[in-house]
Amino acid sequence: DITGTNGNPSAPNWDPCTGLGSPNGMALLDL
């Protein structure tokens, strides 16, 4: 849920601004 723009509109889950988002390393490891 990273808001803002790089020229494209942001959106939850995935967008062409930050992709899937930034990582939560421990949660990523568990999953």
PDB file of all heavy atoms in Angstrom:
ATOM      1  N   ASP A   1       0.856  -1.194   0.000  1.00  0.00           N
ATOM      2  CA  ASP A   1       0.000   0.000   0.000  1.00  0.00           C
ATOM      3  C   ASP A   1       0.887   1.237   0.000  1.00  0.00           C
ATOM      4  O   ASP A   1       0.906   2.020   0.956  1.00  0.00           O
ATOM      5  CB  ASP A   1      -0.932  -0.018   1.215  1.00  0.00           C
ATOM      6  CG  ASP A   1      -2.008   1.059   1.112  1.00  0.00           C
ATOM      7  OD1 ASP A   1      -2.218   1.573  -0.002  1.00  0.00           O
ATOM      8  OD2 ASP A   1      -2.620   1.380   2.151  1.00  0.00           O
ATOM      9  N   ILE A   2       1.640   1.394  -1.077  1.00  0.00           N
ATOM     10  CA  ILE A   2       2.592   2.498  -1.207  1.00  0.00           C
ATOM     11  C   ILE A   2       2.007   3.516  -2.180  1.00  0.00           C
ATOM     12  O   ILE A   2       1.832   3.219  -3.370  1.00  0.00           O
ATOM     13  CB  ILE A   2       3.960   1.991  -1.693  1.00  0.00           C
ATOM     14  CG1 ILE A   2       4.528   0.980  -0.685  1.00  0.00           C
ATOM     15  CG2 ILE A   2       4.931   3.145  -1.887  1.00  0.00           C
ATOM     16  CD1 ILE A   2       5.820   0.329  -1.121  1.00  0.00           C
ATOM     17  N   THR A   3       1.684   4.682  -1.694  1.00  0.00           N
ATOM     18  CA  THR A   3       1.015   5.690  -2.509  1.00  0.00           C
ATOM     19  C   THR A   3       2.026   6.610  -3.175  1.00  0.00           C
ATOM     20  O   THR A   3       3.191   6.690  -2.785  1.00  0.00           O
ATOM     21  CB  THR A   3       0.040   6.511  -1.658  1.00  0.00           C
ATOM     22  OG1 THR A   3       0.781   7.167  -0.614  1.00  0.00           O
ATOM     23  CG2 THR A   3      -1.029   5.636  -1.040  1.00  0.00           C
ATOM     24  N   GLY A   4       1.543   7.319  -4.198  1.00  0.00           N
ATOM     25  CA  GLY A   4       2.376   8.241  -4.944  1.00  0.00           C
ATOM     26  C   GLY A   4       2.330   7.926  -6.421  1.00  0.00           C
ATOM     27  O   GLY A   4       1.444   7.198  -6.897  1.00  0.00           O
ATOM     28  N   THR A   5       3.297   8.441  -7.156  1.00  0.00           N
ATOM     29  CA  THR A   5       3.322   8.211  -8.604  1.00  0.00           C
ATOM     30  C   THR A   5       4.744   8.328  -9.130  1.00  0.00           C
ATOM     31  O   THR A   5       5.555   9.068  -8.584  1.00  0.00           O
ATOM     32  CB  THR A   5       2.425   9.219  -9.331  1.00  0.00           C
ATOM     33  OG1 THR A   5       2.481   8.972 -10.745  1.00  0.00           O
ATOM     34  CG2 THR A   5       2.886  10.652  -9.075  1.00  0.00           C
ATOM     35  N   ASN A   6       5.025   7.573 -10.166  1.00  0.00           N
ATOM     36  CA  ASN A   6       6.261   7.753 -10.932  1.00  0.00           C
ATOM     37  C   ASN A   6       5.914   8.200 -12.349  1.00  0.00           C
ATOM     38  O   ASN A   6       6.741   8.146 -13.251  1.00  0.00           O
ATOM     39  CB  ASN A   6       7.068   6.452 -10.970  1.00  0.00           C
ATOM     40  CG  ASN A   6       6.359   5.352 -11.748  1.00  0.00           C
ATOM     41  OD1 ASN A   6       5.170   5.441 -12.046  1.00  0.00           O
ATOM     42  ND2 ASN A   6       7.087   4.282 -12.067  1.00  0.00           N
ATOM     43  N   GLY A   7       4.699   8.655 -12.538  1.00  0.00           N
ATOM     44  CA  GLY A   7       4.133   8.922 -13.859  1.00  0.00           C
ATOM     45  C   GLY A   7       2.957   8.017 -14.132  1.00  0.00           C
ATOM     46  O   GLY A   7       2.119   8.291 -14.983  1.00  0.00           O
ATOM     47  N   ASN A   8       2.891   6.903 -13.395  1.00  0.00           N
ATOM     48  CA  ASN A   8       1.745   5.990 -13.386  1.00  0.00           C
ATOM     49  C   ASN A   8       1.052   6.113 -12.033  1.00  0.00           C
ATOM     50  O   ASN A   8       1.698   6.419 -11.028  1.00  0.00           O
ATOM     51  CB  ASN A   8       2.207   4.540 -13.559  1.00  0.00           C
ATOM     52  CG  ASN A   8       2.835   4.269 -14.897  1.00  0.00           C
ATOM     53  OD1 ASN A   8       2.296   4.626 -15.928  1.00  0.00           O
ATOM     54  ND2 ASN A   8       4.000   3.619 -14.876  1.00  0.00           N
ATOM     55  N   PRO A   9      -0.251   5.839 -11.976  1.00  0.00           N
ATOM     56  CA  PRO A   9      -0.924   5.838 -10.677  1.00  0.00           C
ATOM     57  C   PRO A   9      -0.543   4.621  -9.848  1.00  0.00           C
ATOM     58  O   PRO A   9      -0.328   3.532 -10.375  1.00  0.00           O
ATOM     59  CB  PRO A   9      -2.411   5.818 -11.041  1.00  0.00           C
ATOM     60  CG  PRO A   9      -2.469   5.242 -12.413  1.00  0.00           C
ATOM     61  CD  PRO A   9      -1.195   5.643 -13.097  1.00  0.00           C
ATOM     62  N   SER A  10      -0.424   4.818  -8.549  1.00  0.00           N
ATOM     63  CA  SER A  10      -0.153   3.690  -7.655  1.00  0.00           C
ATOM     64  C   SER A  10      -1.442   2.920  -7.403  1.00  0.00           C
ATOM     65  O   SER A  10      -2.551   3.413  -7.646  1.00  0.00           O
ATOM     66  CB  SER A  10       0.438   4.183  -6.343  1.00  0.00           C
ATOM     67  OG  SER A  10      -0.450   5.054  -5.682  1.00  0.00           O
ATOM     68  N   ALA A  11      -1.302   1.705  -6.911  1.00  0.00           N
ATOM     69  CA  ALA A  11      -2.452   0.845  -6.608  1.00  0.00           C
ATOM     70  C   ALA A  11      -2.010  -0.183  -5.585  1.00  0.00           C
ATOM     71  O   ALA A  11      -0.817  -0.508  -5.488  1.00  0.00           O
ATOM     72  CB  ALA A  11      -2.961   0.148  -7.878  1.00  0.00           C
ATOM     73  N   PRO A  12      -2.935  -0.740  -4.808  1.00  0.00           N
ATOM     74  CA  PRO A  12      -2.567  -1.805  -3.861  1.00  0.00           C
ATOM     75  C   PRO A  12      -2.189  -3.090  -4.596  1.00  0.00           C
ATOM     76  O   PRO A  12      -2.542  -3.294  -5.760  1.00  0.00           O
ATOM     77  CB  PRO A  12      -3.839  -1.991  -3.034  1.00  0.00           C
ATOM     78  CG  PRO A  12      -4.942  -1.494  -3.911  1.00  0.00           C
ATOM     79  CD  PRO A  12      -4.357  -0.382  -4.714  1.00  0.00           C
ATOM     80  N   ASN A  13      -1.463  -3.935  -3.914  1.00  0.00           N
ATOM     81  CA  ASN A  13      -1.051  -5.271  -4.385  1.00  0.00           C
ATOM     82  C   ASN A  13       0.075  -5.240  -5.416  1.00  0.00           C
ATOM     83  O   ASN A  13       1.099  -5.869  -5.236  1.00  0.00           O
ATOM     84  CB  ASN A  13      -2.229  -6.078  -4.912  1.00  0.00           C
ATOM     85  CG  ASN A  13      -3.242  -6.396  -3.834  1.00  0.00           C
ATOM     86  OD1 ASN A  13      -2.991  -6.212  -2.641  1.00  0.00           O
ATOM     87  ND2 ASN A  13      -4.410  -6.868  -4.240  1.00  0.00           N
ATOM     88  N   TRP A  14      -0.120  -4.559  -6.538  1.00  0.00           N
ATOM     89  CA  TRP A  14       0.948  -4.393  -7.535  1.00  0.00           C
ATOM     90  C   TRP A  14       0.657  -3.154  -8.356  1.00  0.00           C
ATOM     91  O   TRP A  14      -0.505  -2.863  -8.677  1.00  0.00           O
ATOM     92  CB  TRP A  14       1.044  -5.606  -8.473  1.00  0.00           C
ATOM     93  CG  TRP A  14       2.173  -5.450  -9.468  1.00  0.00           C
ATOM     94  CD1 TRP A  14       3.460  -5.866  -9.317  1.00  0.00           C
ATOM     95  CD2 TRP A  14       2.122  -4.784 -10.744  1.00  0.00           C
ATOM     96  NE1 TRP A  14       4.218  -5.503 -10.414  1.00  0.00           N
ATOM     97  CE2 TRP A  14       3.408  -4.831 -11.303  1.00  0.00           C
ATOM     98  CE3 TRP A  14       1.120  -4.132 -11.464  1.00  0.00           C
ATOM     99  CZ2 TRP A  14       3.722  -4.292 -12.550  1.00  0.00           C
ATOM    100  CZ3 TRP A  14       1.419  -3.576 -12.701  1.00  0.00           C
ATOM    101  CH2 TRP A  14       2.712  -3.664 -13.244  1.00  0.00           C
ATOM    102  N   ASP A  15       1.712  -2.454  -8.715  1.00  0.00           N
ATOM    103  CA  ASP A  15       1.586  -1.345  -9.664  1.00  0.00           C
ATOM    104  C   ASP A  15       2.939  -1.126 -10.348  1.00  0.00           C
ATOM    105  O   ASP A  15       3.966  -1.642  -9.887  1.00  0.00           O
ATOM    106  CB  ASP A  15       1.098  -0.057  -8.977  1.00  0.00           C
ATOM    107  CG  ASP A  15       1.999   0.416  -7.860  1.00  0.00           C
ATOM    108  OD1 ASP A  15       3.237   0.345  -8.009  1.00  0.00           O
ATOM    109  OD2 ASP A  15       1.482   0.876  -6.824  1.00  0.00           O
ATOM    110  N   PRO A  16       2.948  -0.390 -11.489  1.00  0.00           N
ATOM    111  CA  PRO A  16       4.197  -0.128 -12.191  1.00  0.00           C
ATOM    112  C   PRO A  16       4.961   1.051 -11.594  1.00  0.00           C
ATOM    113  O   PRO A  16       5.657   1.777 -12.316  1.00  0.00           O
ATOM    114  CB  PRO A  16       3.726   0.157 -13.624  1.00  0.00           C
ATOM    115  CG  PRO A  16       2.370   0.751 -13.453  1.00  0.00           C
ATOM    116  CD  PRO A  16       1.772   0.075 -12.247  1.00  0.00           C
ATOM    117  N   CYS A  17       4.824   1.241 -10.287  1.00  0.00           N
ATOM    118  CA  CYS A  17       5.593   2.239  -9.535  1.00  0.00           C
ATOM    119  C   CYS A  17       6.572   1.542  -8.603  1.00  0.00           C
ATOM    120  O   CYS A  17       7.771   1.828  -8.628  1.00  0.00           O
ATOM    121  CB  CYS A  17       4.674   3.140  -8.721  1.00  0.00           C
ATOM    122  SG  CYS A  17       3.360   3.965  -9.630  1.00  0.00           S
ATOM    123  N   THR A  18       6.041   0.623  -7.797  1.00  0.00           N
ATOM    124  CA  THR A  18       6.886  -0.122  -6.854  1.00  0.00           C
ATOM    125  C   THR A  18       6.673  -1.629  -6.932  1.00  0.00           C
ATOM    126  O   THR A  18       7.130  -2.374  -6.081  1.00  0.00           O
ATOM    127  CB  THR A  18       6.642   0.359  -5.404  1.00  0.00           C
ATOM    128  OG1 THR A  18       5.253   0.177  -5.069  1.00  0.00           O
ATOM    129  CG2 THR A  18       7.007   1.826  -5.239  1.00  0.00           C
ATOM    130  N   GLY A  19       5.956  -2.098  -7.940  1.00  0.00           N
ATOM    131  CA  GLY A  19       5.748  -3.524  -8.107  1.00  0.00           C
ATOM    132  C   GLY A  19       4.890  -4.111  -6.996  1.00  0.00           C
ATOM    133  O   GLY A  19       3.853  -3.548  -6.642  1.00  0.00           O
ATOM    134  N   LEU A  20       5.329  -5.225  -6.453  1.00  0.00           N
ATOM    135  CA  LEU A  20       4.604  -5.878  -5.361  1.00  0.00           C
ATOM    136  C   LEU A  20       4.732  -5.107  -4.050  1.00  0.00           C
ATOM    137  O   LEU A  20       4.032  -5.403  -3.083  1.00  0.00           O
ATOM    138  CB  LEU A  20       5.141  -7.294  -5.160  1.00  0.00           C
ATOM    139  CG  LEU A  20       4.911  -8.255  -6.334  1.00  0.00           C
ATOM    140  CD1 LEU A  20       5.826  -9.477  -6.196  1.00  0.00           C
ATOM    141  CD2 LEU A  20       3.458  -8.685  -6.419  1.00  0.00           C
ATOM    142  N   GLY A  21       5.633  -4.128  -4.020  1.00  0.00           N
ATOM    143  CA  GLY A  21       5.863  -3.315  -2.838  1.00  0.00           C
ATOM    144  C   GLY A  21       7.258  -3.529  -2.281  1.00  0.00           C
ATOM    145  O   GLY A  21       8.133  -4.103  -2.935  1.00  0.00           O
ATOM    146  N   SER A  22       7.457  -3.062  -1.066  1.00  0.00           N
ATOM    147  CA  SER A  22       8.727  -3.268  -0.372  1.00  0.00           C
ATOM    148  C   SER A  22       8.608  -4.493   0.532  1.00  0.00           C
ATOM    149  O   SER A  22       7.518  -4.871   0.932  1.00  0.00           O
ATOM    150  CB  SER A  22       9.099  -2.022   0.434  1.00  0.00           C
ATOM    151  OG  SER A  22       8.136  -1.780   1.449  1.00  0.00           O
ATOM    152  N   PRO A  23       9.735  -5.119   0.862  1.00  0.00           N
ATOM    153  CA  PRO A  23       9.658  -6.411   1.561  1.00  0.00           C
ATOM    154  C   PRO A  23       9.522  -6.291   3.073  1.00  0.00           C
ATOM    155  O   PRO A  23      10.054  -5.379   3.702  1.00  0.00           O
ATOM    156  CB  PRO A  23      11.005  -7.053   1.213  1.00  0.00           C
ATOM    157  CG  PRO A  23      11.928  -5.875   1.087  1.00  0.00           C
ATOM    158  CD  PRO A  23      11.106  -4.784   0.462  1.00  0.00           C
ATOM    159  N   ASN A  24       8.813  -7.241   3.625  1.00  0.00           N
ATOM    160  CA  ASN A  24       8.894  -7.563   5.049  1.00  0.00           C
ATOM    161  C   ASN A  24       9.652  -8.877   5.112  1.00  0.00           C
ATOM    162  O   ASN A  24       9.088  -9.940   4.842  1.00  0.00           O
ATOM    163  CB  ASN A  24       7.498  -7.702   5.656  1.00  0.00           C
ATOM    164  CG  ASN A  24       7.519  -8.078   7.120  1.00  0.00           C
ATOM    165  OD1 ASN A  24       8.346  -8.865   7.562  1.00  0.00           O
ATOM    166  ND2 ASN A  24       6.604  -7.516   7.886  1.00  0.00           N
ATOM    167  N   GLY A  25      10.936  -8.798   5.413  1.00  0.00           N
ATOM    168  CA  GLY A  25      11.809  -9.939   5.231  1.00  0.00           C
ATOM    169  C   GLY A  25      11.396 -11.179   5.989  1.00  0.00           C
ATOM    170  O   GLY A  25      11.408 -12.289   5.438  1.00  0.00           O
ATOM    171  N   MET A  26      11.018 -11.040   7.252  1.00  0.00           N
ATOM    172  CA  MET A  26      10.661 -12.214   8.051  1.00  0.00           C
ATOM    173  C   MET A  26       9.351 -12.831   7.582  1.00  0.00           C
ATOM    174  O   MET A  26       9.221 -14.065   7.521  1.00  0.00           O
ATOM    175  CB  MET A  26      10.587 -11.840   9.533  1.00  0.00           C
ATOM    176  CG  MET A  26      11.943 -11.593  10.165  1.00  0.00           C
ATOM    177  SD  MET A  26      13.079 -13.000  10.013  1.00  0.00           S
ATOM    178  CE  MET A  26      12.168 -14.289  10.889  1.00  0.00           C
ATOM    179  N   ALA A  27       8.384 -12.002   7.238  1.00  0.00           N
ATOM    180  CA  ALA A  27       7.120 -12.539   6.718  1.00  0.00           C
ATOM    181  C   ALA A  27       7.343 -13.222   5.380  1.00  0.00           C
ATOM    182  O   ALA A  27       6.752 -14.284   5.096  1.00  0.00           O
ATOM    183  CB  ALA A  27       6.083 -11.424   6.585  1.00  0.00           C
ATOM    184  N   LEU A  28       8.190 -12.642   4.539  1.00  0.00           N
ATOM    185  CA  LEU A  28       8.521 -13.260   3.257  1.00  0.00           C
ATOM    186  C   LEU A  28       9.179 -14.611   3.478  1.00  0.00           C
ATOM    187  O   LEU A  28       8.839 -15.598   2.806  1.00  0.00           O
ATOM    188  CB  LEU A  28       9.429 -12.322   2.454  1.00  0.00           C
ATOM    189  CG  LEU A  28       9.941 -12.826   1.108  1.00  0.00           C
ATOM    190  CD1 LEU A  28       8.800 -13.226   0.182  1.00  0.00           C
ATOM    191  CD2 LEU A  28      10.822 -11.763   0.444  1.00  0.00           C
ATOM    192  N   LEU A  29      10.106 -14.675   4.431  1.00  0.00           N
ATOM    193  CA  LEU A  29      10.764 -15.941   4.739  1.00  0.00           C
ATOM    194  C   LEU A  29       9.745 -16.997   5.170  1.00  0.00           C
ATOM    195  O   LEU A  29       9.768 -18.139   4.675  1.00  0.00           O
ATOM    196  CB  LEU A  29      11.802 -15.730   5.846  1.00  0.00           C
ATOM    197  CG  LEU A  29      12.475 -16.986   6.388  1.00  0.00           C
ATOM    198  CD1 LEU A  29      13.263 -17.704   5.300  1.00  0.00           C
ATOM    199  CD2 LEU A  29      13.382 -16.620   7.566  1.00  0.00           C
ATOM    200  N   ASP A  30       8.847 -16.639   6.057  1.00  0.00           N
ATOM    201  CA  ASP A  30       7.851 -17.598   6.548  1.00  0.00           C
ATOM    202  C   ASP A  30       6.967 -18.111   5.423  1.00  0.00           C
ATOM    203  O   ASP A  30       6.678 -19.318   5.343  1.00  0.00           O
ATOM    204  CB  ASP A  30       6.989 -16.952   7.631  1.00  0.00           C
ATOM    205  CG  ASP A  30       7.753 -16.724   8.932  1.00  0.00           C
ATOM    206  OD1 ASP A  30       8.821 -17.341   9.106  1.00  0.00           O
ATOM    207  OD2 ASP A  30       7.292 -15.903   9.755  1.00  0.00           O
ATOM    208  N   LEU A  31       6.552 -17.214   4.532  1.00  0.00           N
ATOM    209  CA  LEU A  31       5.677 -17.618   3.433  1.00  0.00           C
ATOM    210  C   LEU A  31       6.426 -18.469   2.403  1.00  0.00           C
ATOM    211  O   LEU A  31       5.855 -19.406   1.842  1.00  0.00           O
ATOM    212  CB  LEU A  31       5.042 -16.393   2.780  1.00  0.00           C
ATOM    213  CG  LEU A  31       3.958 -15.726   3.633  1.00  0.00           C
ATOM    214  CD1 LEU A  31       3.582 -14.357   3.062  1.00  0.00           C
ATOM    215  CD2 LEU A  31       2.714 -16.616   3.712  1.00  0.00           C
TER     216      LEU A  31
END
